[in-house]
Amino acid sequence: MRRVPYRLDVARAETEQARRDLDEALREAKALRAENEFPRDQSDFEQAPLIQWMKSQGHSDLNHVHTWNESTRDDWVADRAATVAPGSRILDVGAGTGPYKNLFAHCVYKSHDFAAYEGYKGDEGTYAEIDYVSDITAIEVDDNSFDAILCTEVLEHVPRPIEALAEMARILRPRGRLFITAPLGSGLHQQPYHFYGGYTPHWYRKFLADFACDVVSIEPNHGYFAHLAQECARFAWNSEKHSQYHGEFADRASHLIGDVLAPYFYALDKKVMIPEFTIGYHVEATKR
């Protein structure tokens, strides 16, 4: 077998070329890493092209982005209240702290609640003055007693919601109006009185019809992207509970998700409405 002469100069040249190739690869990798690295300086973060673009597309009112669920519901109730004839008798079922009482100042407003929840009750901190204290399935009033009934964010806290709906229909006068809001999907709250995640449009249509009520409207409270915006806001609200897991970027992570992504997703909801993942529904019905 013939031996191939070892060429030292060729070996050195190949080694030098390999070293140059390796150095170039390392430089490219470093540049790529720097390009994609989360900015360590706040000003660099704010000036990043993607961040700038998302902020330009996001909703301008950050407070609204963080409170739209409740404020949209409040606006819906206010709109319906304005259409109720003066002097009408209205019962606020599950009234709690009575946040909507003033909207019905032109009516004969009465309140109902089981009044047994001992947890957090909002800024008011306590139940309003309740006219009828009872289980929601056994309100102590005569049939056909009210011209309108309001029931907001209550049905998920009721063990027997179908019976509750039947009871509201019982005490509503013929051609009376029923205003209901409830979630489609929500996290646990007001425990231990949280029995259902939420209700679909099919649930309302089925059981309202069973109790001689006709659906006037079923409106989703925004869609998927607004729901996602709310959860981004929740990330920021609860940041103290998990900040230790985000290292040196905790504040910026909270800012990115709560102040940049949340407004971006909320604005996107106006362009791309995906109602199957709404936060809940606002429902109006009338009794036959």
C-alpha atoms as a PDB file:
ATOM      1  CA  MET A   1       0.000   0.000   0.000  1.00  0.00           C
ATOM      2  CA  ARG A   2       1.395   3.357  -1.051  1.00  0.00           C
ATOM      3  CA  ARG A   3       1.704   5.995   1.692  1.00  0.00           C
ATOM      4  CA  VAL A   4       0.445   9.531   1.027  1.00  0.00           C
ATOM      5  CA  PRO A   5       3.076  12.085   2.056  1.00  0.00           C
ATOM      6  CA  TYR A   6       1.983  14.251   4.973  1.00  0.00           C
ATOM      7  CA  ARG A   7       1.928  17.905   3.927  1.00  0.00           C
ATOM      8  CA  LEU A   8       2.374  20.088   7.023  1.00  0.00           C
ATOM      9  CA  ASP A   9       1.660  23.310   5.139  1.00  0.00           C
ATOM     10  CA  VAL A  10      -1.668  21.951   3.865  1.00  0.00           C
ATOM     11  CA  ALA A  11      -2.682  20.817   7.340  1.00  0.00           C
ATOM     12  CA  ARG A  12      -1.879  24.250   8.780  1.00  0.00           C
ATOM     13  CA  ALA A  13      -3.874  25.993   6.078  1.00  0.00           C
ATOM     14  CA  GLU A  14      -6.882  23.749   6.686  1.00  0.00           C
ATOM     15  CA  THR A  15      -6.644  24.372  10.424  1.00  0.00           C
ATOM     16  CA  GLU A  16      -6.551  28.141   9.934  1.00  0.00           C
ATOM     17  CA  GLN A  17      -9.548  28.028   7.612  1.00  0.00           C
ATOM     18  CA  ALA A  18     -11.502  25.930  10.082  1.00  0.00           C
ATOM     19  CA  ARG A  19     -10.670  28.433  12.807  1.00  0.00           C
ATOM     20  CA  ARG A  20     -11.862  31.326  10.643  1.00  0.00           C
ATOM     21  CA  ASP A  21     -15.063  29.475   9.821  1.00  0.00           C
ATOM     22  CA  LEU A  22     -15.682  28.807  13.512  1.00  0.00           C
ATOM     23  CA  ASP A  23     -15.060  32.452  14.449  1.00  0.00           C
ATOM     24  CA  GLU A  24     -17.506  33.593  11.773  1.00  0.00           C
ATOM     25  CA  ALA A  25     -20.145  31.143  12.987  1.00  0.00           C
ATOM     26  CA  LEU A  26     -19.715  32.353  16.557  1.00  0.00           C
ATOM     27  CA  ARG A  27     -20.056  35.989  15.472  1.00  0.00           C
ATOM     28  CA  GLU A  28     -23.255  35.195  13.567  1.00  0.00           C
ATOM     29  CA  ALA A  29     -24.684  33.290  16.527  1.00  0.00           C
ATOM     30  CA  LYS A  30     -23.864  36.147  18.881  1.00  0.00           C
ATOM     31  CA  ALA A  31     -25.473  38.695  16.569  1.00  0.00           C
ATOM     32  CA  LEU A  32     -28.591  36.559  16.234  1.00  0.00           C
ATOM     33  CA  ARG A  33     -28.815  36.108  19.989  1.00  0.00           C
ATOM     34  CA  ALA A  34     -28.463  39.855  20.557  1.00  0.00           C
ATOM     35  CA  GLU A  35     -31.152  40.563  17.972  1.00  0.00           C
ATOM     36  CA  ASN A  36     -33.656  38.278  19.690  1.00  0.00           C
ATOM     37  CA  GLU A  37     -32.668  38.844  23.286  1.00  0.00           C
ATOM     38  CA  PHE A  38     -35.183  40.559  25.568  1.00  0.00           C
ATOM     39  CA  PRO A  39     -33.846  44.130  25.892  1.00  0.00           C
ATOM     40  CA  ARG A  40     -32.143  44.741  29.207  1.00  0.00           C
ATOM     41  CA  ASP A  41     -32.533  48.496  29.017  1.00  0.00           C
ATOM     42  CA  GLN A  42     -36.066  49.874  29.376  1.00  0.00           C
ATOM     43  CA  SER A  43     -35.565  52.440  26.624  1.00  0.00           C
ATOM     44  CA  ASP A  44     -34.318  49.724  24.258  1.00  0.00           C
ATOM     45  CA  PHE A  45     -37.370  47.664  25.106  1.00  0.00           C
ATOM     46  CA  GLU A  46     -39.768  50.523  24.401  1.00  0.00           C
ATOM     47  CA  GLN A  47     -38.078  51.272  21.077  1.00  0.00           C
ATOM     48  CA  ALA A  48     -38.093  47.690  19.804  1.00  0.00           C
ATOM     49  CA  PRO A  49     -39.924  47.699  16.424  1.00  0.00           C
ATOM     50  CA  LEU A  50     -42.439  45.013  17.417  1.00  0.00           C
ATOM     51  CA  ILE A  51     -43.268  46.755  20.698  1.00  0.00           C
ATOM     52  CA  GLN A  52     -43.678  50.093  18.934  1.00  0.00           C
ATOM     53  CA  TRP A  53     -45.979  48.572  16.329  1.00  0.00           C
ATOM     54  CA  MET A  54     -48.134  46.730  18.857  1.00  0.00           C
ATOM     55  CA  LYS A  55     -48.504  49.880  20.943  1.00  0.00           C
ATOM     56  CA  SER A  56     -49.549  51.817  17.855  1.00  0.00           C
ATOM     57  CA  GLN A  57     -52.259  49.222  17.162  1.00  0.00           C
ATOM     58  CA  GLY A  58     -53.479  48.867  20.750  1.00  0.00           C
ATOM     59  CA  HIS A  59     -56.448  50.514  22.431  1.00  0.00           C
ATOM     60  CA  SER A  60     -55.483  53.915  23.797  1.00  0.00           C
ATOM     61  CA  ASP A  61     -57.379  53.745  27.116  1.00  0.00           C
ATOM     62  CA  LEU A  62     -55.483  51.316  29.342  1.00  0.00           C
ATOM     63  CA  ASN A  63     -57.958  51.701  32.204  1.00  0.00           C
ATOM     64  CA  HIS A  64     -60.807  50.632  29.921  1.00  0.00           C
ATOM     65  CA  VAL A  65     -58.763  47.671  28.690  1.00  0.00           C
ATOM     66  CA  HIS A  66     -58.381  46.511  32.288  1.00  0.00           C
ATOM     67  CA  THR A  67     -62.050  47.072  33.245  1.00  0.00           C
ATOM     68  CA  TRP A  68     -64.048  46.486  30.035  1.00  0.00           C
ATOM     69  CA  ASN A  69     -65.870  43.394  31.323  1.00  0.00           C
ATOM     70  CA  GLU A  70     -67.619  45.192  34.162  1.00  0.00           C
ATOM     71  CA  SER A  71     -67.959  48.541  32.373  1.00  0.00           C
ATOM     72  CA  THR A  72     -69.562  46.950  29.297  1.00  0.00           C
ATOM     73  CA  ARG A  73     -72.055  45.159  31.532  1.00  0.00           C
ATOM     74  CA  ASP A  74     -72.754  48.396  33.422  1.00  0.00           C
ATOM     75  CA  ASP A  75     -73.398  50.223  30.142  1.00  0.00           C
ATOM     76  CA  TRP A  76     -75.767  47.459  28.992  1.00  0.00           C
ATOM     77  CA  VAL A  77     -77.781  47.621  32.212  1.00  0.00           C
ATOM     78  CA  ALA A  78     -77.897  51.424  32.034  1.00  0.00           C
ATOM     79  CA  ASP A  79     -79.134  51.250  28.454  1.00  0.00           C
ATOM     80  CA  ARG A  80     -81.901  48.812  29.370  1.00  0.00           C
ATOM     81  CA  ALA A  81     -82.854  50.733  32.508  1.00  0.00           C
ATOM     82  CA  ALA A  82     -83.447  53.856  30.433  1.00  0.00           C
ATOM     83  CA  THR A  83     -86.070  51.988  28.392  1.00  0.00           C
ATOM     84  CA  VAL A  84     -88.120  50.851  31.399  1.00  0.00           C
ATOM     85  CA  ALA A  85     -91.246  52.980  31.789  1.00  0.00           C
ATOM     86  CA  PRO A  86     -91.364  55.336  34.803  1.00  0.00           C
ATOM     87  CA  GLY A  87     -93.260  53.895  37.741  1.00  0.00           C
ATOM     88  CA  SER A  88     -92.603  50.294  36.691  1.00  0.00           C
ATOM     89  CA  ARG A  89     -92.050  47.772  39.450  1.00  0.00           C
ATOM     90  CA  ILE A  90     -88.629  46.150  39.095  1.00  0.00           C
ATOM     91  CA  LEU A  91     -86.994  43.455  41.197  1.00  0.00           C
ATOM     92  CA  ASP A  92     -83.202  43.178  41.300  1.00  0.00           C
ATOM     93  CA  VAL A  93     -82.682  39.447  41.925  1.00  0.00           C
ATOM     94  CA  GLY A  94     -79.403  38.673  43.673  1.00  0.00           C
ATOM     95  CA  ALA A  95     -78.893  42.400  44.130  1.00  0.00           C
ATOM     96  CA  GLY A  96     -75.942  42.073  46.492  1.00  0.00           C
ATOM     97  CA  THR A  97     -74.542  45.566  47.082  1.00  0.00           C
ATOM     98  CA  GLY A  98     -77.185  47.120  44.826  1.00  0.00           C
ATOM     99  CA  PRO A  99     -74.870  48.711  42.235  1.00  0.00           C
ATOM    100  CA  TYR A 100     -77.714  49.363  39.786  1.00  0.00           C
ATOM    101  CA  LYS A 101     -80.313  50.813  42.140  1.00  0.00           C
ATOM    102  CA  ASN A 102     -79.716  54.407  41.024  1.00  0.00           C
ATOM    103  CA  LEU A 103     -80.311  53.455  37.378  1.00  0.00           C
ATOM    104  CA  PHE A 104     -83.904  52.646  38.307  1.00  0.00           C
ATOM    105  CA  ALA A 105     -84.639  55.773  40.318  1.00  0.00           C
ATOM    106  CA  HIS A 106     -87.600  56.404  37.991  1.00  0.00           C
ATOM    107  CA  CYS A 107     -89.071  53.002  38.919  1.00  0.00           C
ATOM    108  CA  VAL A 108     -90.351  51.281  42.034  1.00  0.00           C
ATOM    109  CA  TYR A 109     -87.124  49.411  42.774  1.00  0.00           C
ATOM    110  CA  LYS A 110     -87.075  46.352  45.019  1.00  0.00           C
ATOM    111  CA  SER A 111     -84.135  44.100  45.846  1.00  0.00           C
ATOM    112  CA  HIS A 112     -83.701  40.415  46.572  1.00  0.00           C
ATOM    113  CA  ASP A 113     -80.765  38.334  47.793  1.00  0.00           C
ATOM    114  CA  PHE A 114     -80.065  35.262  49.872  1.00  0.00           C
ATOM    115  CA  ALA A 115     -77.732  37.527  51.881  1.00  0.00           C
ATOM    116  CA  ALA A 116     -75.516  34.731  53.197  1.00  0.00           C
ATOM    117  CA  TYR A 117     -72.215  35.378  51.420  1.00  0.00           C
ATOM    118  CA  GLU A 118     -69.589  36.544  53.905  1.00  0.00           C
ATOM    119  CA  GLY A 119     -66.697  37.255  51.538  1.00  0.00           C
ATOM    120  CA  TYR A 120     -65.524  40.320  49.619  1.00  0.00           C
ATOM    121  CA  LYS A 121     -68.420  42.553  48.498  1.00  0.00           C
ATOM    122  CA  GLY A 122     -66.687  45.128  46.334  1.00  0.00           C
ATOM    123  CA  ASP A 123     -66.018  48.735  47.254  1.00  0.00           C
ATOM    124  CA  GLU A 124     -69.296  48.948  49.167  1.00  0.00           C
ATOM    125  CA  GLY A 125     -68.183  46.195  51.527  1.00  0.00           C
ATOM    126  CA  THR A 126     -71.671  45.201  52.575  1.00  0.00           C
ATOM    127  CA  TYR A 127     -75.071  44.180  51.254  1.00  0.00           C
ATOM    128  CA  ALA A 128     -77.498  46.885  50.234  1.00  0.00           C
ATOM    129  CA  GLU A 129     -80.800  47.098  52.062  1.00  0.00           C
ATOM    130  CA  ILE A 130     -82.528  43.934  50.834  1.00  0.00           C
ATOM    131  CA  ASP A 131     -86.313  43.895  50.557  1.00  0.00           C
ATOM    132  CA  TYR A 132     -86.717  40.130  50.073  1.00  0.00           C
ATOM    133  CA  VAL A 133     -84.259  37.764  51.711  1.00  0.00           C
ATOM    134  CA  SER A 134     -84.780  34.209  50.481  1.00  0.00           C
ATOM    135  CA  ASP A 135     -83.535  31.425  48.283  1.00  0.00           C
ATOM    136  CA  ILE A 136     -83.729  32.491  44.650  1.00  0.00           C
ATOM    137  CA  THR A 137     -86.078  29.601  43.873  1.00  0.00           C
ATOM    138  CA  ALA A 138     -88.642  30.712  46.477  1.00  0.00           C
ATOM    139  CA  ILE A 139     -89.085  34.490  46.448  1.00  0.00           C
ATOM    140  CA  GLU A 140     -91.992  35.419  48.715  1.00  0.00           C
ATOM    141  CA  VAL A 141     -94.075  37.499  46.328  1.00  0.00           C
ATOM    142  CA  ASP A 142     -97.231  36.770  44.363  1.00  0.00           C
ATOM    143  CA  ASP A 143     -97.306  35.612  40.759  1.00  0.00           C
ATOM    144  CA  ASN A 144     -97.077  38.388  38.149  1.00  0.00           C
ATOM    145  CA  SER A 145     -95.768  40.952  40.680  1.00  0.00           C
ATOM    146  CA  PHE A 146     -93.168  42.835  38.643  1.00  0.00           C
ATOM    147  CA  ASP A 147     -92.945  44.662  35.323  1.00  0.00           C
ATOM    148  CA  ALA A 148     -89.237  43.931  35.000  1.00  0.00           C
ATOM    149  CA  ILE A 149     -86.596  41.741  36.624  1.00  0.00           C
ATOM    150  CA  LEU A 150     -82.855  42.315  36.680  1.00  0.00           C
ATOM    151  CA  CYS A 151     -80.450  39.458  37.464  1.00  0.00           C
ATOM    152  CA  THR A 152     -76.761  40.206  36.890  1.00  0.00           C
ATOM    153  CA  GLU A 153     -73.886  37.753  37.427  1.00  0.00           C
ATOM    154  CA  VAL A 154     -75.977  35.589  39.737  1.00  0.00           C
ATOM    155  CA  LEU A 155     -76.907  32.355  37.977  1.00  0.00           C
ATOM    156  CA  GLU A 156     -73.427  30.835  38.223  1.00  0.00           C
ATOM    157  CA  HIS A 157     -73.792  31.057  42.013  1.00  0.00           C
ATOM    158  CA  VAL A 158     -77.127  29.256  42.151  1.00  0.00           C
ATOM    159  CA  PRO A 159     -77.268  25.473  42.763  1.00  0.00           C
ATOM    160  CA  ARG A 160     -80.508  25.117  40.754  1.00  0.00           C
ATOM    161  CA  PRO A 161     -80.397  27.773  38.024  1.00  0.00           C
ATOM    162  CA  ILE A 162     -83.250  26.310  35.967  1.00  0.00           C
ATOM    163  CA  GLU A 163     -85.556  26.548  38.964  1.00  0.00           C
ATOM    164  CA  ALA A 164     -84.294  30.077  39.543  1.00  0.00           C
ATOM    165  CA  LEU A 165     -85.246  31.005  35.987  1.00  0.00           C
ATOM    166  CA  ALA A 166     -88.680  29.457  36.492  1.00  0.00           C
ATOM    167  CA  GLU A 167     -89.163  31.508  39.658  1.00  0.00           C
ATOM    168  CA  MET A 168     -88.276  34.756  37.901  1.00  0.00           C
ATOM    169  CA  ALA A 169     -90.745  33.915  35.138  1.00  0.00           C
ATOM    170  CA  ARG A 170     -93.427  33.202  37.768  1.00  0.00           C
ATOM    171  CA  ILE A 171     -93.217  36.609  39.400  1.00  0.00           C
ATOM    172  CA  LEU A 172     -92.877  38.527  36.122  1.00  0.00           C
ATOM    173  CA  ARG A 173     -96.061  39.978  34.662  1.00  0.00           C
ATOM    174  CA  PRO A 174     -97.178  39.037  31.149  1.00  0.00           C
ATOM    175  CA  ARG A 175     -95.231  41.170  28.648  1.00  0.00           C
ATOM    176  CA  GLY A 176     -92.815  41.950  31.469  1.00  0.00           C
ATOM    177  CA  ARG A 177     -89.100  42.235  30.709  1.00  0.00           C
ATOM    178  CA  LEU A 178     -86.274  40.084  32.025  1.00  0.00           C
ATOM    179  CA  PHE A 179     -82.657  41.296  31.972  1.00  0.00           C
ATOM    180  CA  ILE A 180     -79.969  38.690  32.704  1.00  0.00           C
ATOM    181  CA  THR A 181     -76.183  38.662  32.563  1.00  0.00           C
ATOM    182  CA  ALA A 182     -73.971  35.697  33.406  1.00  0.00           C
ATOM    183  CA  PRO A 183     -70.564  34.403  32.317  1.00  0.00           C
ATOM    184  CA  LEU A 184     -69.825  31.784  29.733  1.00  0.00           C
ATOM    185  CA  GLY A 185     -66.492  31.038  31.378  1.00  0.00           C
ATOM    186  CA  SER A 186     -65.092  32.454  34.590  1.00  0.00           C
ATOM    187  CA  GLY A 187     -62.562  31.669  37.246  1.00  0.00           C
ATOM    188  CA  LEU A 188     -63.717  30.601  40.674  1.00  0.00           C
ATOM    189  CA  HIS A 189     -65.074  33.479  42.739  1.00  0.00           C
ATOM    190  CA  GLN A 190     -67.401  34.120  45.672  1.00  0.00           C
ATOM    191  CA  GLN A 191     -66.630  30.654  46.946  1.00  0.00           C
ATOM    192  CA  PRO A 192     -68.121  28.369  48.104  1.00  0.00           C
ATOM    193  CA  TYR A 193     -71.138  29.747  46.215  1.00  0.00           C
ATOM    194  CA  HIS A 194     -69.824  29.156  42.712  1.00  0.00           C
ATOM    195  CA  PHE A 195     -71.504  26.169  41.106  1.00  0.00           C
ATOM    196  CA  TYR A 196     -71.297  26.676  37.327  1.00  0.00           C
ATOM    197  CA  GLY A 197     -68.722  28.040  34.890  1.00  0.00           C
ATOM    198  CA  GLY A 198     -71.342  29.739  32.731  1.00  0.00           C
ATOM    199  CA  TYR A 199     -74.247  29.501  30.316  1.00  0.00           C
ATOM    200  CA  THR A 200     -74.554  29.270  26.546  1.00  0.00           C
ATOM    201  CA  PRO A 201     -77.085  30.958  24.230  1.00  0.00           C
ATOM    202  CA  HIS A 202     -78.682  27.539  23.773  1.00  0.00           C
ATOM    203  CA  TRP A 203     -79.299  27.294  27.513  1.00  0.00           C
ATOM    204  CA  TYR A 204     -81.134  30.623  27.541  1.00  0.00           C
ATOM    205  CA  ARG A 205     -83.226  29.819  24.464  1.00  0.00           C
ATOM    206  CA  LYS A 206     -84.182  26.380  25.749  1.00  0.00           C
ATOM    207  CA  PHE A 207     -85.215  27.258  29.287  1.00  0.00           C
ATOM    208  CA  LEU A 208     -86.648  30.722  28.675  1.00  0.00           C
ATOM    209  CA  ALA A 209     -88.967  29.137  26.123  1.00  0.00           C
ATOM    210  CA  ASP A 210     -89.884  26.435  28.636  1.00  0.00           C
ATOM    211  CA  PHE A 211     -91.073  29.163  31.014  1.00  0.00           C
ATOM    212  CA  ALA A 212     -93.124  31.112  28.448  1.00  0.00           C
ATOM    213  CA  CYS A 213     -90.501  33.756  27.753  1.00  0.00           C
ATOM    214  CA  ASP A 214     -89.345  34.933  24.329  1.00  0.00           C
ATOM    215  CA  VAL A 215     -85.738  35.928  23.738  1.00  0.00           C
ATOM    216  CA  VAL A 216     -85.352  39.517  22.552  1.00  0.00           C
ATOM    217  CA  SER A 217     -81.569  39.522  22.360  1.00  0.00           C
ATOM    218  CA  ILE A 218     -78.521  37.539  23.445  1.00  0.00           C
ATOM    219  CA  GLU A 219     -75.406  39.699  23.154  1.00  0.00           C
ATOM    220  CA  PRO A 220     -71.879  38.382  23.720  1.00  0.00           C
ATOM    221  CA  ASN A 221     -69.755  40.556  25.978  1.00  0.00           C
ATOM    222  CA  HIS A 222     -66.936  40.878  23.430  1.00  0.00           C
ATOM    223  CA  GLY A 223     -65.048  37.916  21.947  1.00  0.00           C
ATOM    224  CA  TYR A 224     -61.928  35.786  22.210  1.00  0.00           C
ATOM    225  CA  PHE A 225     -59.292  38.505  21.889  1.00  0.00           C
ATOM    226  CA  ALA A 226     -60.932  40.724  24.509  1.00  0.00           C
ATOM    227  CA  HIS A 227     -61.096  37.686  26.779  1.00  0.00           C
ATOM    228  CA  LEU A 228     -57.390  37.161  26.128  1.00  0.00           C
ATOM    229  CA  ALA A 229     -56.778  40.841  26.883  1.00  0.00           C
ATOM    230  CA  GLN A 230     -58.506  40.416  30.235  1.00  0.00           C
ATOM    231  CA  GLU A 231     -56.269  37.494  31.128  1.00  0.00           C
ATOM    232  CA  CYS A 232     -53.188  39.506  30.114  1.00  0.00           C
ATOM    233  CA  ALA A 233     -54.405  42.235  32.451  1.00  0.00           C
ATOM    234  CA  ARG A 234     -54.911  39.611  35.151  1.00  0.00           C
ATOM    235  CA  PHE A 235     -51.261  38.592  34.724  1.00  0.00           C
ATOM    236  CA  ALA A 236     -50.286  42.142  35.626  1.00  0.00           C
ATOM    237  CA  TRP A 237     -52.814  42.437  38.483  1.00  0.00           C
ATOM    238  CA  ASN A 238     -51.358  39.314  40.107  1.00  0.00           C
ATOM    239  CA  SER A 239     -47.719  39.981  39.255  1.00  0.00           C
ATOM    240  CA  GLU A 240     -46.624  40.059  42.901  1.00  0.00           C
ATOM    241  CA  LYS A 241     -47.682  36.420  43.236  1.00  0.00           C
ATOM    242  CA  HIS A 242     -45.305  35.197  40.510  1.00  0.00           C
ATOM    243  CA  SER A 243     -42.709  37.941  39.978  1.00  0.00           C
ATOM    244  CA  GLN A 244     -39.951  35.812  41.523  1.00  0.00           C
ATOM    245  CA  TYR A 245     -40.210  33.417  38.573  1.00  0.00           C
ATOM    246  CA  HIS A 246     -39.392  36.082  35.973  1.00  0.00           C
ATOM    247  CA  GLY A 247     -35.927  36.956  37.245  1.00  0.00           C
ATOM    248  CA  GLU A 248     -34.615  40.405  36.423  1.00  0.00           C
ATOM    249  CA  PHE A 249     -37.361  40.873  33.838  1.00  0.00           C
ATOM    250  CA  ALA A 250     -40.326  40.744  36.257  1.00  0.00           C
ATOM    251  CA  ASP A 251     -41.332  44.387  35.891  1.00  0.00           C
ATOM    252  CA  ARG A 252     -40.866  44.373  32.142  1.00  0.00           C
ATOM    253  CA  ALA A 253     -42.801  41.119  31.763  1.00  0.00           C
ATOM    254  CA  SER A 254     -45.708  42.661  33.665  1.00  0.00           C
ATOM    255  CA  HIS A 255     -45.504  45.788  31.513  1.00  0.00           C
ATOM    256  CA  LEU A 256     -45.280  43.823  28.273  1.00  0.00           C
ATOM    257  CA  ILE A 257     -48.218  41.542  29.018  1.00  0.00           C
ATOM    258  CA  GLY A 258     -50.446  43.948  30.944  1.00  0.00           C
ATOM    259  CA  ASP A 259     -49.729  47.269  29.206  1.00  0.00           C
ATOM    260  CA  VAL A 260     -48.775  46.248  25.663  1.00  0.00           C
ATOM    261  CA  LEU A 261     -50.367  42.889  24.839  1.00  0.00           C
ATOM    262  CA  ALA A 262     -53.649  43.581  26.661  1.00  0.00           C
ATOM    263  CA  PRO A 263     -54.451  46.791  24.695  1.00  0.00           C
ATOM    264  CA  TYR A 264     -53.276  45.124  21.475  1.00  0.00           C
ATOM    265  CA  PHE A 265     -55.572  42.121  21.914  1.00  0.00           C
ATOM    266  CA  TYR A 266     -58.501  44.300  23.006  1.00  0.00           C
ATOM    267  CA  ALA A 267     -58.200  46.419  19.866  1.00  0.00           C
ATOM    268  CA  LEU A 268     -57.879  43.261  17.770  1.00  0.00           C
ATOM    269  CA  ASP A 269     -61.198  42.045  19.188  1.00  0.00           C
ATOM    270  CA  LYS A 270     -62.907  44.933  17.378  1.00  0.00           C
ATOM    271  CA  LYS A 271     -61.469  43.676  14.081  1.00  0.00           C
ATOM    272  CA  VAL A 272     -61.773  39.915  14.573  1.00  0.00           C
ATOM    273  CA  MET A 273     -64.813  38.920  16.635  1.00  0.00           C
ATOM    274  CA  ILE A 274     -64.741  35.290  17.783  1.00  0.00           C
ATOM    275  CA  PRO A 275     -67.903  34.984  19.927  1.00  0.00           C
ATOM    276  CA  GLU A 276     -67.447  31.314  20.848  1.00  0.00           C
ATOM    277  CA  PHE A 277     -64.958  32.412  23.517  1.00  0.00           C
ATOM    278  CA  THR A 278     -66.826  35.424  24.865  1.00  0.00           C
ATOM    279  CA  ILE A 279     -66.574  36.203  28.552  1.00  0.00           C
ATOM    280  CA  GLY A 280     -70.358  35.990  28.899  1.00  0.00           C
ATOM    281  CA  TYR A 281     -73.765  37.049  27.600  1.00  0.00           C
ATOM    282  CA  HIS A 282     -76.253  39.859  28.171  1.00  0.00           C
ATOM    283  CA  VAL A 283     -79.779  38.581  27.662  1.00  0.00           C
ATOM    284  CA  GLU A 284     -83.147  40.289  27.335  1.00  0.00           C
ATOM    285  CA  ALA A 285     -86.430  38.360  27.217  1.00  0.00           C
ATOM    286  CA  THR A 286     -90.137  39.079  27.583  1.00  0.00           C
ATOM    287  CA  LYS A 287     -92.837  36.980  29.181  1.00  0.00           C
ATOM    288  CA  ARG A 288     -95.724  35.995  26.939  1.00  0.00           C
END
